[in-house]
PDB file of N, CA and C in Angstrom:
ATOM      1  N   MET A   1     106.850 109.357 130.520  1.00  0.00           N
ATOM      2  CA  MET A   1     107.209 108.134 131.009  1.00  0.00           C
ATOM      3  C   MET A   1     108.943 107.769 130.452  1.00  0.00           C
ATOM      4  N   ALA A   2     109.989 107.599 131.541  1.00  0.00           N
ATOM      5  CA  ALA A   2     111.248 107.520 131.208  1.00  0.00           C
ATOM      6  C   ALA A   2     111.171 106.131 130.588  1.00  0.00           C
ATOM      7  N   THR A   3     112.118 105.826 129.785  1.00  0.00           N
ATOM      8  CA  THR A   3     112.588 104.847 129.428  1.00  0.00           C
ATOM      9  C   THR A   3     113.998 104.380 129.034  1.00  0.00           C
ATOM     10  N   ASP A   4     114.100 103.222 129.163  1.00  0.00           N
ATOM     11  CA  ASP A   4     115.681 102.595 128.788  1.00  0.00           C
ATOM     12  C   ASP A   4     116.551 102.325 127.486  1.00  0.00           C
ATOM     13  N   ARG A   5     115.417 102.307 126.354  1.00  0.00           N
ATOM     14  CA  ARG A   5     115.442 101.880 125.288  1.00  0.00           C
ATOM     15  C   ARG A   5     116.196 103.096 124.588  1.00  0.00           C
ATOM     16  N   PRO A   6     117.456 103.171 123.856  1.00  0.00           N
ATOM     17  CA  PRO A   6     117.579 103.830 122.937  1.00  0.00           C
ATOM     18  C   PRO A   6     116.867 104.846 122.506  1.00  0.00           C
ATOM     19  N   ARG A   7     117.062 106.136 121.527  1.00  0.00           N
ATOM     20  CA  ARG A   7     116.175 106.489 120.945  1.00  0.00           C
ATOM     21  C   ARG A   7     116.854 107.173 120.246  1.00  0.00           C
ATOM     22  N   TYR A   8     115.857 107.651 119.454  1.00  0.00           N
ATOM     23  CA  TYR A   8     116.751 108.748 117.844  1.00  0.00           C
ATOM     24  C   TYR A   8     115.547 109.349 116.935  1.00  0.00           C
ATOM     25  N   THR A   9     115.685 109.952 116.550  1.00  0.00           N
ATOM     26  CA  THR A   9     114.804 111.387 115.345  1.00  0.00           C
ATOM     27  C   THR A   9     114.925 110.638 114.102  1.00  0.00           C
ATOM     28  N   VAL A  10     113.753 110.562 113.315  1.00  0.00           N
ATOM     29  CA  VAL A  10     113.464 110.535 112.049  1.00  0.00           C
ATOM     30  C   VAL A  10     112.843 111.655 111.421  1.00  0.00           C
ATOM     31  N   SER A  11     113.243 112.021 110.169  1.00  0.00           N
ATOM     32  CA  SER A  11     112.233 112.833 109.660  1.00  0.00           C
ATOM     33  C   SER A  11     112.045 112.249 108.247  1.00  0.00           C
ATOM     34  N   VAL A  12     110.524 112.366 108.160  1.00  0.00           N
ATOM     35  CA  VAL A  12     109.814 112.174 106.980  1.00  0.00           C
ATOM     36  C   VAL A  12     108.799 112.829 106.269  1.00  0.00           C
ATOM     37  N   ASP A  13     109.080 112.660 104.820  1.00  0.00           N
ATOM     38  CA  ASP A  13     107.965 113.065 104.242  1.00  0.00           C
ATOM     39  C   ASP A  13     106.710 113.658 104.482  1.00  0.00           C
ATOM     40  N   PRO A  14     105.836 114.379 103.940  1.00  0.00           N
ATOM     41  CA  PRO A  14     104.318 114.599 104.649  1.00  0.00           C
ATOM     42  C   PRO A  14     103.685 113.025 104.489  1.00  0.00           C
ATOM     43  N   GLU A  15     103.829 112.646 103.063  1.00  0.00           N
ATOM     44  CA  GLU A  15     103.141 110.907 102.560  1.00  0.00           C
ATOM     45  C   GLU A  15     103.415 110.482 103.460  1.00  0.00           C
ATOM     46  N   LEU A  16     105.090 110.036 103.864  1.00  0.00           N
ATOM     47  CA  LEU A  16     104.889 108.604 104.357  1.00  0.00           C
ATOM     48  C   LEU A  16     104.608 109.077 106.020  1.00  0.00           C
ATOM     49  N   PHE A  17     104.802 110.626 106.190  1.00  0.00           N
ATOM     50  CA  PHE A  17     104.092 110.438 107.561  1.00  0.00           C
ATOM     51  C   PHE A  17     102.579 110.157 107.654  1.00  0.00           C
ATOM     52  N   GLN A  18     101.814 110.502 106.958  1.00  0.00           N
ATOM     53  CA  GLN A  18     100.330 110.377 106.771  1.00  0.00           C
ATOM     54  C   GLN A  18     100.256 108.822 106.917  1.00  0.00           C
ATOM     55  N   GLN A  19     101.447 108.381 105.834  1.00  0.00           N
ATOM     56  CA  GLN A  19     101.159 106.311 105.734  1.00  0.00           C
ATOM     57  C   GLN A  19     101.496 105.930 107.296  1.00  0.00           C
ATOM     58  N   ILE A  20     102.157 106.199 107.780  1.00  0.00           N
ATOM     59  CA  ILE A  20     102.353 106.055 109.159  1.00  0.00           C
ATOM     60  C   ILE A  20     101.285 106.410 110.015  1.00  0.00           C
ATOM     61  N   GLU A  21     100.852 107.607 110.118  1.00  0.00           N
ATOM     62  CA  GLU A  21      99.487 107.725 110.706  1.00  0.00           C
ATOM     63  C   GLU A  21      98.620 106.452 110.501  1.00  0.00           C
ATOM     64  N   ASP A  22      98.098 106.525 109.355  1.00  0.00           N
ATOM     65  CA  ASP A  22      96.822 105.808 109.050  1.00  0.00           C
ATOM     66  C   ASP A  22      97.313 104.352 108.833  1.00  0.00           C
ATOM     67  N   TYR A  23      98.479 103.889 109.163  1.00  0.00           N
ATOM     68  CA  TYR A  23      98.921 102.626 109.779  1.00  0.00           C
ATOM     69  C   TYR A  23      98.387 102.420 111.003  1.00  0.00           C
ATOM     70  N   ARG A  24      98.843 103.574 112.046  1.00  0.00           N
ATOM     71  CA  ARG A  24      98.734 103.609 113.475  1.00  0.00           C
ATOM     72  C   ARG A  24      96.875 103.303 113.859  1.00  0.00           C
ATOM     73  N   PHE A  25      96.655 104.212 112.981  1.00  0.00           N
ATOM     74  CA  PHE A  25      94.959 104.101 113.611  1.00  0.00           C
ATOM     75  C   PHE A  25      94.489 103.130 113.011  1.00  0.00           C
ATOM     76  N   SER A  26      94.314 102.737 111.707  1.00  0.00           N
ATOM     77  CA  SER A  26      93.872 101.087 111.645  1.00  0.00           C
ATOM     78  C   SER A  26      94.026  99.895 112.370  1.00  0.00           C
ATOM     79  N   HIS A  27      95.305 100.075 112.930  1.00  0.00           N
ATOM     80  CA  HIS A  27      96.047  98.925 113.536  1.00  0.00           C
ATOM     81  C   HIS A  27      95.418  99.678 115.104  1.00  0.00           C
ATOM     82  N   ARG A  28      95.311 100.169 115.412  1.00  0.00           N
ATOM     83  CA  ARG A  28      95.167 100.539 116.682  1.00  0.00           C
ATOM     84  C   ARG A  28      96.128 101.063 117.680  1.00  0.00           C
ATOM     85  N   PHE A  29      97.083 101.473 117.391  1.00  0.00           N
ATOM     86  CA  PHE A  29      98.333 101.892 117.970  1.00  0.00           C
ATOM     87  C   PHE A  29      98.299 103.226 118.814  1.00  0.00           C
ATOM     88  N   GLN A  30      98.552 103.033 120.050  1.00  0.00           N
ATOM     89  CA  GLN A  30      98.410 104.327 120.754  1.00  0.00           C
ATOM     90  C   GLN A  30      99.350 105.007 120.600  1.00  0.00           C
ATOM     91  N   THR A  31     100.413 105.235 120.271  1.00  0.00           N
ATOM     92  CA  THR A  31     101.383 106.128 119.568  1.00  0.00           C
ATOM     93  C   THR A  31     102.337 106.106 118.486  1.00  0.00           C
ATOM     94  N   ARG A  32     102.336 106.760 117.701  1.00  0.00           N
ATOM     95  CA  ARG A  32     103.316 106.576 116.519  1.00  0.00           C
ATOM     96  C   ARG A  32     104.656 106.224 116.555  1.00  0.00           C
ATOM     97  N   SER A  33     105.313 106.034 117.572  1.00  0.00           N
ATOM     98  CA  SER A  33     106.478 105.286 118.226  1.00  0.00           C
ATOM     99  C   SER A  33     105.790 104.045 118.101  1.00  0.00           C
ATOM    100  N   GLU A  34     105.073 103.292 118.805  1.00  0.00           N
ATOM    101  CA  GLU A  34     104.873 102.006 118.504  1.00  0.00           C
ATOM    102  C   GLU A  34     104.353 101.158 117.077  1.00  0.00           C
ATOM    103  N   ALA A  35     103.434 102.232 116.507  1.00  0.00           N
ATOM    104  CA  ALA A  35     103.803 101.921 114.765  1.00  0.00           C
ATOM    105  C   ALA A  35     104.643 102.125 114.077  1.00  0.00           C
ATOM    106  N   THR A  36     105.602 102.620 114.513  1.00  0.00           N
ATOM    107  CA  THR A  36     106.970 103.248 113.823  1.00  0.00           C
ATOM    108  C   THR A  36     107.645 101.720 113.726  1.00  0.00           C
ATOM    109  N   VAL A  37     107.822 101.545 115.132  1.00  0.00           N
ATOM    110  CA  VAL A  37     108.298  99.844 115.686  1.00  0.00           C
ATOM    111  C   VAL A  37     108.264  98.907 115.011  1.00  0.00           C
ATOM    112  N   GLU A  38     106.568  98.547 115.067  1.00  0.00           N
ATOM    113  CA  GLU A  38     105.913  97.634 114.076  1.00  0.00           C
ATOM    114  C   GLU A  38     106.414  97.404 112.907  1.00  0.00           C
ATOM    115  N   LEU A  39     106.469  99.269 112.044  1.00  0.00           N
ATOM    116  CA  LEU A  39     106.512  98.868 110.497  1.00  0.00           C
ATOM    117  C   LEU A  39     108.354  98.477 110.543  1.00  0.00           C
ATOM    118  N   ILE A  40     108.848  99.054 111.000  1.00  0.00           N
ATOM    119  CA  ILE A  40     110.415  98.859 111.093  1.00  0.00           C
ATOM    120  C   ILE A  40     110.575  97.046 111.113  1.00  0.00           C
ATOM    121  N   ARG A  41     109.951  96.413 112.362  1.00  0.00           N
ATOM    122  CA  ARG A  41     109.813  95.000 112.441  1.00  0.00           C
ATOM    123  C   ARG A  41     109.514  94.107 111.344  1.00  0.00           C
ATOM    124  N   LEU A  42     108.365  94.631 110.786  1.00  0.00           N
ATOM    125  CA  LEU A  42     107.855  94.210 109.714  1.00  0.00           C
ATOM    126  C   LEU A  42     108.425  94.268 108.604  1.00  0.00           C
ATOM    127  N   GLY A  43     109.190  95.308 108.654  1.00  0.00           N
ATOM    128  CA  GLY A  43     110.131  95.021 106.933  1.00  0.00           C
ATOM    129  C   GLY A  43     111.286  94.431 107.575  1.00  0.00           C
ATOM    130  N   LEU A  44     112.125  94.847 108.702  1.00  0.00           N
ATOM    131  CA  LEU A  44     113.388  94.156 108.412  1.00  0.00           C
ATOM    132  C   LEU A  44     113.049  92.189 108.712  1.00  0.00           C
ATOM    133  N   SER A  45     111.681  91.975 108.720  1.00  0.00           N
ATOM    134  CA  SER A  45     111.181  90.288 108.953  1.00  0.00           C
ATOM    135  C   SER A  45     111.344  90.288 107.230  1.00  0.00           C
ATOM    136  N   ALA A  46     110.272  91.024 106.904  1.00  0.00           N
ATOM    137  CA  ALA A  46     110.261  90.809 105.068  1.00  0.00           C
ATOM    138  C   ALA A  46     112.086  90.807 104.465  1.00  0.00           C
ATOM    139  N   LEU A  47     112.858  91.486 104.928  1.00  0.00           N
ATOM    140  CA  LEU A  47     114.081  91.307 104.264  1.00  0.00           C
ATOM    141  C   LEU A  47     114.783  90.297 104.758  1.00  0.00           C
ATOM    142  N   GLU A  48     114.216  89.675 105.603  1.00  0.00           N
ATOM    143  CA  GLU A  48     115.426  88.512 106.097  1.00  0.00           C
ATOM    144  C   GLU A  48     114.615  87.115 105.495  1.00  0.00           C
ATOM    145  N   LYS A  49     113.329  87.794 104.994  1.00  0.00           N
ATOM    146  CA  LYS A  49     112.885  86.224 103.934  1.00  0.00           C
ATOM    147  C   LYS A  49     113.212  86.271 103.109  1.00  0.00           C
ATOM    148  N   GLU A  50     113.722  87.296 102.362  1.00  0.00           N
ATOM    149  CA  GLU A  50     113.845  87.778 100.871  1.00  0.00           C
ATOM    150  C   GLU A  50     115.591  86.961 100.441  1.00  0.00           C
ATOM    151  N   LYS A  51     116.261  86.999 101.820  1.00  0.00           N
ATOM    152  CA  LYS A  51     117.742  86.408 101.815  1.00  0.00           C
ATOM    153  C   LYS A  51     117.823  84.903 100.873  1.00  0.00           C
ATOM    154  N   PRO A  52     118.607  84.987 100.119  1.00  0.00           N
ATOM    155  CA  PRO A  52     118.718  83.650  99.481  1.00  0.00           C
ATOM    156  C   PRO A  52     118.857  82.348 100.505  1.00  0.00           C
ATOM    157  N   GLN A  53     118.406  81.411 100.793  1.00  0.00           N
ATOM    158  CA  GLN A  53     118.721  80.165 101.774  1.00  0.00           C
ATOM    159  C   GLN A  53     119.761  79.345 101.250  1.00  0.00           C
ATOM    160  N   PRO A  54     120.406  78.908 102.114  1.00  0.00           N
ATOM    161  CA  PRO A  54     121.380  77.903 101.727  1.00  0.00           C
ATOM    162  C   PRO A  54     120.398  76.938 101.276  1.00  0.00           C
ATOM    163  N   GLU A  55     121.497  76.389 100.133  1.00  0.00           N
ATOM    164  CA  GLU A  55     120.080  75.114  99.608  1.00  0.00           C
ATOM    165  C   GLU A  55     120.817  73.821 100.850  1.00  0.00           C
ATOM    166  N   ASP A  56     119.935  73.054 100.931  1.00  0.00           N
ATOM    167  CA  ASP A  56     119.738  71.733 102.122  1.00  0.00           C
ATOM    168  C   ASP A  56     120.745  70.808 101.508  1.00  0.00           C
ATOM    169  N   THR A  57     121.890  70.667 102.127  1.00  0.00           N
ATOM    170  CA  THR A  57     123.206  69.624 101.920  1.00  0.00           C
ATOM    171  C   THR A  57     122.652  68.430 101.819  1.00  0.00           C
ATOM    172  N   ASN A  58     121.567  67.806 102.654  1.00  0.00           N
ATOM    173  CA  ASN A  58     121.364  66.594 102.964  1.00  0.00           C
ATOM    174  C   ASN A  58     120.083  66.240 101.579  1.00  0.00           C
ATOM    175  N   ASN A  59     119.805  67.046 100.960  1.00  0.00           N
ATOM    176  CA  ASN A  59     118.883  66.304  99.422  1.00  0.00           C
ATOM    177  C   ASN A  59     119.778  66.673  98.500  1.00  0.00           C
ATOM    178  N   LYS A  60     121.132  66.764  98.126  1.00  0.00           N
ATOM    179  CA  LYS A  60     122.067  66.896  97.390  1.00  0.00           C
ATOM    180  C   LYS A  60     122.371  65.498  97.067  1.00  0.00           C
ATOM    181  N   LYS A  61     122.193  65.307  95.312  1.00  0.00           N
ATOM    182  CA  LYS A  61     122.640  64.041  94.817  1.00  0.00           C
ATOM    183  C   LYS A  61     123.880  64.026  94.404  1.00  0.00           C
TER     184      LYS A  61
END
């Protein structure tokens, strides 16, 4: 199945590989790539939420 999406290879240690596989099966992803992409999205979303938010200038006294 050809795709126009960029591709790259990632090497992980056996423990991380197993965690990805466990996530894949528990969330019923058909492929390891789908599960990995979702984990990356979740991680990036969590990082975005950790960013300090600018103070609301409308509520300043």
